Protein backbone atom coordinates (compact mmCIF):
# COMPACT_ATOMS: atom_id res chain seq x y z
CA UNK A 1 -47.65 0.25 -3.89
CA UNK A 2 -48.26 1.01 -7.58
CA UNK A 3 -45.71 1.79 -10.31
CA UNK A 4 -44.16 5.15 -10.51
CA UNK A 5 -44.64 7.23 -13.68
CA UNK A 6 -41.84 7.56 -16.11
CA UNK A 7 -41.45 11.16 -15.03
CA UNK A 8 -41.10 10.21 -11.42
CA UNK A 9 -38.59 7.47 -12.18
CA UNK A 10 -36.57 10.04 -14.05
CA UNK A 11 -36.70 12.46 -11.13
CA UNK A 12 -35.74 9.69 -8.72
CA UNK A 13 -32.78 8.77 -10.80
CA UNK A 14 -31.72 12.50 -11.02
CA UNK A 15 -32.02 12.76 -7.29
CA UNK A 16 -29.76 9.67 -6.76
CA UNK A 17 -27.23 10.99 -9.13
CA UNK A 18 -27.21 14.50 -7.66
CA UNK A 19 -27.03 13.06 -4.13
CA UNK A 20 -24.16 10.68 -5.07
CA UNK A 21 -22.31 13.41 -6.71
CA UNK A 22 -22.26 15.51 -3.54
CA UNK A 23 -21.62 12.64 -1.19
CA UNK A 24 -18.87 11.10 -3.27
CA UNK A 25 -17.03 14.48 -3.33
CA UNK A 26 -17.49 14.82 0.44
CA UNK A 27 -16.91 11.28 1.65
CA UNK A 28 -15.37 9.36 -1.27
CA UNK A 29 -16.96 6.63 -3.24
CA UNK A 30 -15.83 3.94 -0.77
CA UNK A 31 -17.28 5.87 2.14
CA UNK A 32 -20.80 5.96 0.84
CA UNK A 33 -22.84 2.79 0.96
CA UNK A 34 -25.81 2.31 -1.43
CA UNK A 35 -28.13 2.11 1.68
CA UNK A 36 -26.74 5.48 3.04
CA UNK A 37 -26.98 7.03 -0.40
CA UNK A 38 -30.45 6.07 -0.95
CA UNK A 39 -31.43 7.23 2.55
CA UNK A 40 -29.79 10.56 1.85
CA UNK A 41 -31.78 10.75 -1.43
CA UNK A 42 -35.03 10.01 0.37
CA UNK A 43 -35.54 6.70 -1.37
CA UNK A 44 -35.49 3.08 -0.37
CA UNK A 45 -32.47 0.97 -0.63
CA UNK A 46 -34.19 -1.67 -2.69
CA UNK A 47 -34.99 0.93 -5.39
CA UNK A 48 -31.32 1.56 -6.36
CA UNK A 49 -31.11 -1.46 -8.72
CA UNK A 50 -34.10 -0.24 -10.69
CA UNK A 51 -32.00 2.60 -11.72
CA UNK A 52 -28.35 1.29 -11.86
CA UNK A 53 -26.76 -2.14 -12.46
CA UNK A 54 -24.01 -1.43 -9.94
CA UNK A 55 -22.49 1.15 -7.70
CA UNK A 56 -19.73 1.50 -10.31
CA UNK A 57 -22.30 2.56 -12.92
CA UNK A 58 -23.57 5.21 -10.46
CA UNK A 59 -19.98 6.41 -9.93
CA UNK A 60 -19.55 6.88 -13.63
CA UNK A 61 -22.75 9.02 -13.89
CA UNK A 62 -22.17 10.90 -10.64
CA UNK A 63 -18.61 11.85 -11.86
CA UNK A 64 -20.07 13.21 -14.99
CA UNK A 65 -22.70 15.14 -13.08
CA UNK A 66 -20.15 16.63 -10.79
CA UNK A 67 -18.42 18.05 -13.83
CA UNK A 68 -21.58 19.42 -15.42
CA UNK A 69 -21.16 23.14 -15.83
CA UNK A 70 -17.71 23.18 -14.38
CA UNK A 71 -15.57 25.01 -17.02
CA UNK A 72 -18.43 25.40 -19.30
CA UNK A 73 -17.76 27.88 -22.00
CA UNK A 74 -14.68 29.45 -23.40
CA UNK A 75 -12.03 31.17 -21.42
CA UNK A 76 -12.86 34.79 -20.83
CA UNK A 77 -11.31 36.75 -23.70
CA UNK A 78 -10.85 33.87 -26.13
CA UNK A 79 -12.35 35.84 -29.00
CA UNK A 80 -10.52 39.09 -28.13
CA UNK A 81 -7.51 40.72 -29.59
CA UNK A 82 -7.49 43.86 -27.56
CA UNK A 83 -5.52 44.73 -24.38
CA UNK A 84 -8.80 45.60 -22.70
CA UNK A 85 -10.26 42.19 -23.36
CA UNK A 86 -6.91 40.46 -22.12
CA UNK A 87 -7.20 42.56 -18.98
CA UNK A 88 -10.80 41.39 -18.49
CA UNK A 89 -9.73 37.75 -19.00
CA UNK A 90 -6.95 38.18 -16.35
CA UNK A 91 -9.42 39.75 -13.93
CA UNK A 92 -11.92 36.92 -14.51
CA UNK A 93 -9.19 34.35 -13.97
CA UNK A 94 -7.92 36.10 -10.81
CA UNK A 95 -11.53 36.23 -9.45
CA UNK A 96 -11.89 32.60 -10.15
CA UNK A 97 -8.61 31.68 -8.38
CA UNK A 98 -9.62 33.84 -5.33
CA UNK A 99 -12.94 32.02 -5.08
CA UNK A 100 -11.46 28.56 -5.69
CA UNK A 101 -8.72 29.00 -3.04
CA UNK A 102 -11.10 30.48 -0.50
CA UNK A 103 -11.96 29.08 3.00
CA UNK A 104 -15.52 28.72 1.86
CA UNK A 105 -14.65 26.49 -1.10
CA UNK A 106 -12.20 24.54 1.08
CA UNK A 107 -15.12 23.92 3.70
CA UNK A 108 -17.71 23.04 1.00
CA UNK A 109 -16.33 19.56 -0.02
CA UNK A 110 -19.81 18.31 -1.13
CA UNK A 111 -20.44 21.29 -3.39
CA UNK A 112 -16.87 21.83 -4.38
CA UNK A 113 -14.62 21.18 -7.14
CA UNK A 114 -14.80 17.57 -8.41
CA UNK A 115 -11.18 17.69 -9.57
CA UNK A 116 -10.03 17.98 -5.93
CA UNK A 117 -13.01 16.08 -4.46
CA UNK A 118 -12.70 12.99 -6.51
CA UNK A 119 -8.87 12.87 -7.05
CA UNK A 120 -8.23 10.03 -4.55
CA UNK A 121 -11.14 8.03 -5.84
CA UNK A 122 -9.89 8.19 -9.38
CA UNK A 123 -6.42 6.99 -8.41
CA UNK A 124 -8.03 3.90 -7.02
CA UNK A 125 -10.55 3.34 -9.70
CA UNK A 126 -10.36 1.12 -12.78
CA UNK A 127 -8.06 2.61 -15.35
CA UNK A 128 -10.50 2.33 -18.25
CA UNK A 129 -13.66 3.29 -16.30
CA UNK A 130 -16.04 5.75 -17.64
CA UNK A 131 -15.64 7.77 -14.46
CA UNK A 132 -11.84 8.09 -15.00
CA UNK A 133 -12.42 9.20 -18.62
CA UNK A 134 -14.89 11.79 -17.47
CA UNK A 135 -12.50 12.92 -14.75
CA UNK A 136 -9.64 13.26 -17.21
CA UNK A 137 -11.72 15.36 -19.58
CA UNK A 138 -12.84 17.55 -16.71
CA UNK A 139 -9.18 18.12 -15.65
CA UNK A 140 -8.28 18.98 -19.29
CA UNK A 141 -11.10 21.46 -19.43
CA UNK A 142 -10.10 23.03 -16.16
CA UNK A 143 -6.50 23.45 -17.26
CA UNK A 144 -7.74 24.99 -20.58
CA UNK A 145 -9.72 27.54 -18.65
CA UNK A 146 -6.71 28.36 -16.45
CA UNK A 147 -4.45 28.73 -19.50
CA UNK A 148 -3.34 32.05 -20.88
CA UNK A 149 -1.13 33.07 -23.89
CA UNK A 150 1.99 32.13 -22.02
CA UNK A 151 1.12 28.67 -20.76
CA UNK A 152 -1.31 25.73 -20.92
CA UNK A 153 -2.74 26.08 -17.44
CA UNK A 154 -1.39 22.87 -16.03
CA UNK A 155 0.87 24.45 -13.52
CA UNK A 156 -1.83 26.85 -12.31
CA UNK A 157 -4.37 23.92 -12.15
CA UNK A 158 -1.91 21.70 -10.19
CA UNK A 159 -1.05 24.52 -7.82
CA UNK A 160 -4.71 25.24 -7.14
CA UNK A 161 -5.98 21.62 -6.76
CA UNK A 162 -2.92 20.52 -4.73
CA UNK A 163 -3.33 23.50 -2.32
CA UNK A 164 -7.09 22.81 -1.95
CA UNK A 165 -6.54 19.21 -1.19
CA UNK A 166 -3.75 19.91 1.35
CA UNK A 167 -5.68 22.81 2.97
CA UNK A 168 -8.71 20.42 3.42
CA UNK A 169 -6.34 17.77 4.88
CA UNK A 170 -5.06 20.23 7.53
CA UNK A 171 -8.14 22.19 8.02
CA UNK A 172 -8.37 23.59 11.57
CA UNK A 173 -4.63 24.21 11.63
CA UNK A 174 -3.28 27.68 10.64
CA UNK A 175 -1.32 25.90 7.87
CA UNK A 176 -4.58 25.44 6.04
CA UNK A 177 -5.15 29.16 5.50
CA UNK A 178 -1.43 29.68 4.78
CA UNK A 179 -1.60 27.09 1.87
CA UNK A 180 -4.63 28.79 0.40
CA UNK A 181 -2.99 32.14 0.64
CA UNK A 182 0.28 31.00 -0.88
CA UNK A 183 -1.45 29.23 -3.73
CA UNK A 184 -3.66 32.29 -4.41
CA UNK A 185 -0.60 34.49 -4.67
CA UNK A 186 1.08 32.04 -7.05
CA UNK A 187 -1.93 31.18 -9.23
CA UNK A 188 -3.12 34.75 -9.52
CA UNK A 189 0.14 36.01 -10.90
């Protein structure tokens, strides 16, 4: 078999990172073997090390990919000084909270929030890892987006992420929906 083009190699790497980003959120980094990852990406196991020095290097890049686009841009209403713009910002934040704490988001672990999906892995990872740094920056940005003039967003963020993690842990029990509803009420206020 001949060499792949530079463009195809870049596409293969992108596919590996995208697949890892989803699988790591769904199954955890320890729950995904290199062989399983490469199979899910539609590539051979042996090709992994042409793209990455180690699984840890992939975890670093997949964590960054998971946060791509999450929290991008300024908070709605950042440039405003009118009551109407403040109301629009509150409405946008409320809509985000409703979506975040929905059964659909709870059930979509692979495509869901990396803050909730990767939390356990980050507690077990190396303190100085690139993945942990990227994760911390993602959490900071999430809190900033949840902030308003009265607070820094950390309580709202903690309520939302904690409720999502707990709701996923007890999914199938009525407690799961109750956790989401209670957190929606609190975080939307």
